[in-house]
Amino acid sequence: EGLSMEQIKEQLDREKAERMAGLHAKQQEFEKQERAKMEQELARVEDELRKREAELERQRVEEMQALEHKREELESRAKERRAQMEQEMLAHGPGHGHAQTQEDVQRQYEQEAEMLSAALNMERDRQDT
């Protein structure tokens, strides 16, 4: 073949341009696939995060309800005990001849009230955290 140097150079330039275009297309396709993989992984992670947040919120609500129930239970017990102790104080009033004095009942009432109050405060503190 009697190709001139100019023709050989043009043919090499065309082949080089074709190879470069092919490499560029492959690179773009690779980047497109990688971007799609990353977007898919990001969507999966976001979905997992939403699920975990929902579960944590469900657990938080459940714990708050349990603590509220305990708090209400303690308040109810405190009210019942106060009423019981007031009845005992009235029953042990002057002239009833019982061994326990009104001061003893009052002292016992205050001790139990302090214990119940401390328990209530602990529940409130736990509920607040």
C-alpha atoms as a PDB file:
ATOM      1  CA  GLU A   1       0.000   0.000   0.000  1.00  0.00           C
ATOM      2  CA  GLY A   2       1.301   3.291  -0.903  1.00  0.00           C
ATOM      3  CA  LEU A   3      -0.026   5.461   1.894  1.00  0.00           C
ATOM      4  CA  SER A   4       1.630   8.740   2.437  1.00  0.00           C
ATOM      5  CA  MET A   5       2.800   9.853   5.820  1.00  0.00           C
ATOM      6  CA  GLU A   6      -0.081  12.289   5.921  1.00  0.00           C
ATOM      7  CA  GLN A   7      -2.630   9.513   5.312  1.00  0.00           C
ATOM      8  CA  ILE A   8      -1.036   7.276   7.958  1.00  0.00           C
ATOM      9  CA  LYS A   9      -1.125  10.147  10.448  1.00  0.00           C
ATOM     10  CA  GLU A  10      -4.812  10.830   9.667  1.00  0.00           C
ATOM     11  CA  GLN A  11      -5.663   7.125  10.054  1.00  0.00           C
ATOM     12  CA  LEU A  12      -3.817   6.965  13.401  1.00  0.00           C
ATOM     13  CA  ASP A  13      -5.588  10.124  14.564  1.00  0.00           C
ATOM     14  CA  ARG A  14      -8.993   8.607  13.631  1.00  0.00           C
ATOM     15  CA  GLU A  15      -8.208   5.333  15.445  1.00  0.00           C
ATOM     16  CA  LYS A  16      -6.985   7.290  18.461  1.00  0.00           C
ATOM     17  CA  ALA A  17     -10.155   9.422  18.449  1.00  0.00           C
ATOM     18  CA  GLU A  18     -12.345   6.278  18.196  1.00  0.00           C
ATOM     19  CA  ARG A  19     -10.492   4.606  21.093  1.00  0.00           C
ATOM     20  CA  MET A  20     -10.742   7.790  23.177  1.00  0.00           C
ATOM     21  CA  ALA A  21     -14.492   8.053  22.443  1.00  0.00           C
ATOM     22  CA  GLY A  22     -14.920   4.373  23.401  1.00  0.00           C
ATOM     23  CA  LEU A  23     -12.958   4.851  26.633  1.00  0.00           C
ATOM     24  CA  HIS A  24     -14.931   7.983  27.412  1.00  0.00           C
ATOM     25  CA  ALA A  25     -18.249   6.153  26.843  1.00  0.00           C
ATOM     26  CA  LYS A  26     -17.086   3.245  29.049  1.00  0.00           C
ATOM     27  CA  GLN A  27     -15.997   5.662  31.771  1.00  0.00           C
ATOM     28  CA  GLN A  28     -19.345   7.478  31.640  1.00  0.00           C
ATOM     29  CA  GLU A  29     -21.251   4.177  31.830  1.00  0.00           C
ATOM     30  CA  PHE A  30     -19.095   3.034  34.771  1.00  0.00           C
ATOM     31  CA  GLU A  31     -19.711   6.334  36.598  1.00  0.00           C
ATOM     32  CA  LYS A  32     -23.439   6.072  35.876  1.00  0.00           C
ATOM     33  CA  GLN A  33     -23.541   2.548  37.337  1.00  0.00           C
ATOM     34  CA  GLU A  34     -21.501   3.579  40.384  1.00  0.00           C
ATOM     35  CA  ARG A  35     -23.784   6.569  40.965  1.00  0.00           C
ATOM     36  CA  ALA A  36     -26.839   4.276  40.735  1.00  0.00           C
ATOM     37  CA  LYS A  37     -25.251   1.856  43.244  1.00  0.00           C
ATOM     38  CA  MET A  38     -24.470   4.697  45.656  1.00  0.00           C
ATOM     39  CA  GLU A  39     -28.003   6.111  45.350  1.00  0.00           C
ATOM     40  CA  GLN A  40     -29.454   2.655  45.980  1.00  0.00           C
ATOM     41  CA  GLU A  41     -27.224   2.166  49.042  1.00  0.00           C
ATOM     42  CA  LEU A  42     -28.115   5.638  50.318  1.00  0.00           C
ATOM     43  CA  ALA A  43     -31.828   4.875  49.927  1.00  0.00           C
ATOM     44  CA  ARG A  44     -31.335   1.588  51.815  1.00  0.00           C
ATOM     45  CA  VAL A  45     -29.447   3.327  54.639  1.00  0.00           C
ATOM     46  CA  GLU A  46     -32.076   6.079  54.861  1.00  0.00           C
ATOM     47  CA  ASP A  47     -34.835   3.456  55.002  1.00  0.00           C
ATOM     48  CA  GLU A  48     -32.989   1.553  57.742  1.00  0.00           C
ATOM     49  CA  LEU A  49     -32.483   4.806  59.651  1.00  0.00           C
ATOM     50  CA  ARG A  50     -36.206   5.632  59.403  1.00  0.00           C
ATOM     51  CA  LYS A  51     -37.057   2.147  60.687  1.00  0.00           C
ATOM     52  CA  ARG A  52     -34.651   2.484  63.623  1.00  0.00           C
ATOM     53  CA  GLU A  53     -35.962   5.944  64.486  1.00  0.00           C
ATOM     54  CA  ALA A  54     -39.542   4.637  64.402  1.00  0.00           C
ATOM     55  CA  GLU A  55     -38.587   1.713  66.657  1.00  0.00           C
ATOM     56  CA  LEU A  56     -36.785   4.016  69.098  1.00  0.00           C
ATOM     57  CA  GLU A  57     -39.794   6.342  69.184  1.00  0.00           C
ATOM     58  CA  ARG A  58     -42.114   3.369  69.774  1.00  0.00           C
ATOM     59  CA  GLN A  59     -39.895   2.200  72.640  1.00  0.00           C
ATOM     60  CA  ARG A  60     -39.714   5.724  74.076  1.00  0.00           C
ATOM     61  CA  VAL A  61     -43.495   6.080  74.029  1.00  0.00           C
ATOM     62  CA  GLU A  62     -43.889   2.630  75.582  1.00  0.00           C
ATOM     63  CA  GLU A  63     -41.412   3.480  78.369  1.00  0.00           C
ATOM     64  CA  MET A  64     -43.072   6.844  79.002  1.00  0.00           C
ATOM     65  CA  GLN A  65     -46.456   5.125  79.292  1.00  0.00           C
ATOM     66  CA  ALA A  66     -45.029   2.545  81.705  1.00  0.00           C
ATOM     67  CA  LEU A  67     -43.399   5.268  83.814  1.00  0.00           C
ATOM     68  CA  GLU A  68     -46.611   7.306  83.801  1.00  0.00           C
ATOM     69  CA  HIS A  69     -48.504   4.219  84.943  1.00  0.00           C
ATOM     70  CA  LYS A  70     -45.994   3.654  87.776  1.00  0.00           C
ATOM     71  CA  ARG A  71     -46.232   7.308  88.765  1.00  0.00           C
ATOM     72  CA  GLU A  72     -50.028   7.173  88.829  1.00  0.00           C
ATOM     73  CA  GLU A  73     -49.855   3.951  90.839  1.00  0.00           C
ATOM     74  CA  LEU A  74     -47.540   5.563  93.394  1.00  0.00           C
ATOM     75  CA  GLU A  75     -49.735   8.650  93.642  1.00  0.00           C
ATOM     76  CA  SER A  76     -52.791   6.466  94.165  1.00  0.00           C
ATOM     77  CA  ARG A  77     -51.041   4.419  96.848  1.00  0.00           C
ATOM     78  CA  ALA A  78     -49.895   7.627  98.543  1.00  0.00           C
ATOM     79  CA  LYS A  79     -53.441   9.019  98.562  1.00  0.00           C
ATOM     80  CA  GLU A  80     -54.858   5.748  99.905  1.00  0.00           C
ATOM     81  CA  ARG A  81     -52.229   5.592 102.642  1.00  0.00           C
ATOM     82  CA  ARG A  82     -52.795   9.235 103.595  1.00  0.00           C
ATOM     83  CA  ALA A  83     -56.546   8.581 103.900  1.00  0.00           C
ATOM     84  CA  GLN A  84     -55.881   5.438 105.940  1.00  0.00           C
ATOM     85  CA  MET A  85     -53.521   7.278 108.283  1.00  0.00           C
ATOM     86  CA  GLU A  86     -55.974  10.150 108.681  1.00  0.00           C
ATOM     87  CA  GLN A  87     -58.634   7.612 109.635  1.00  0.00           C
ATOM     88  CA  GLU A  88     -56.202   6.073 112.123  1.00  0.00           C
ATOM     89  CA  MET A  89     -55.468   9.502 113.568  1.00  0.00           C
ATOM     90  CA  LEU A  90     -59.189  10.202 113.943  1.00  0.00           C
ATOM     91  CA  ALA A  91     -59.778   6.771 115.484  1.00  0.00           C
ATOM     92  CA  HIS A  92     -56.912   7.327 117.947  1.00  0.00           C
ATOM     93  CA  GLY A  93     -58.132  10.729 118.999  1.00  0.00           C
ATOM     94  CA  PRO A  94     -58.499  11.751 122.637  1.00  0.00           C
ATOM     95  CA  GLY A  95     -60.650   9.549 124.806  1.00  0.00           C
ATOM     96  CA  HIS A  96     -60.291   6.343 122.800  1.00  0.00           C
ATOM     97  CA  GLY A  97     -57.725   4.788 125.105  1.00  0.00           C
ATOM     98  CA  HIS A  98     -55.468   3.407 122.361  1.00  0.00           C
ATOM     99  CA  ALA A  99     -51.770   2.985 123.031  1.00  0.00           C
ATOM    100  CA  GLN A 100     -50.720   4.923 119.946  1.00  0.00           C
ATOM    101  CA  THR A 101     -50.818   8.676 120.423  1.00  0.00           C
ATOM    102  CA  GLN A 102     -51.756  11.201 117.788  1.00  0.00           C
ATOM    103  CA  GLU A 103     -48.108  12.302 117.660  1.00  0.00           C
ATOM    104  CA  ASP A 104     -47.018   8.718 116.895  1.00  0.00           C
ATOM    105  CA  VAL A 105     -49.523   8.478 114.065  1.00  0.00           C
ATOM    106  CA  GLN A 106     -48.455  11.884 112.740  1.00  0.00           C
ATOM    107  CA  ARG A 107     -44.770  10.899 112.892  1.00  0.00           C
ATOM    108  CA  GLN A 108     -45.481   7.616 111.085  1.00  0.00           C
ATOM    109  CA  TYR A 109     -47.568   9.481 108.498  1.00  0.00           C
ATOM    110  CA  GLU A 110     -44.738  11.944 107.848  1.00  0.00           C
ATOM    111  CA  GLN A 111     -42.160   9.147 107.499  1.00  0.00           C
ATOM    112  CA  GLU A 112     -44.312   7.228 105.019  1.00  0.00           C
ATOM    113  CA  ALA A 113     -45.173  10.438 103.168  1.00  0.00           C
ATOM    114  CA  GLU A 114     -41.452  11.203 102.809  1.00  0.00           C
ATOM    115  CA  MET A 115     -40.767   7.682 101.483  1.00  0.00           C
ATOM    116  CA  LEU A 116     -43.623   7.864  98.975  1.00  0.00           C
ATOM    117  CA  SER A 117     -42.605  11.372  97.967  1.00  0.00           C
ATOM    118  CA  ALA A 118     -39.027  10.204  97.382  1.00  0.00           C
ATOM    119  CA  ALA A 119     -40.299   7.270  95.305  1.00  0.00           C
ATOM    120  CA  LEU A 120     -42.501   9.630  93.287  1.00  0.00           C
ATOM    121  CA  ASN A 121     -39.599  11.999  92.705  1.00  0.00           C
ATOM    122  CA  MET A 122     -37.408   9.110  91.525  1.00  0.00           C
ATOM    123  CA  GLU A 123     -40.111   8.045  89.048  1.00  0.00           C
ATOM    124  CA  ARG A 124     -40.485  11.631  87.817  1.00  0.00           C
ATOM    125  CA  ASP A 125     -36.718  11.934  87.399  1.00  0.00           C
ATOM    126  CA  ARG A 126     -36.596   8.660  85.452  1.00  0.00           C
ATOM    127  CA  GLN A 127     -39.525   9.808  83.349  1.00  0.00           C
ATOM    128  CA  ASP A 128     -37.841  13.115  82.589  1.00  0.00           C
ATOM    129  CA  THR A 129     -34.656  11.463  81.325  1.00  0.00           C
END
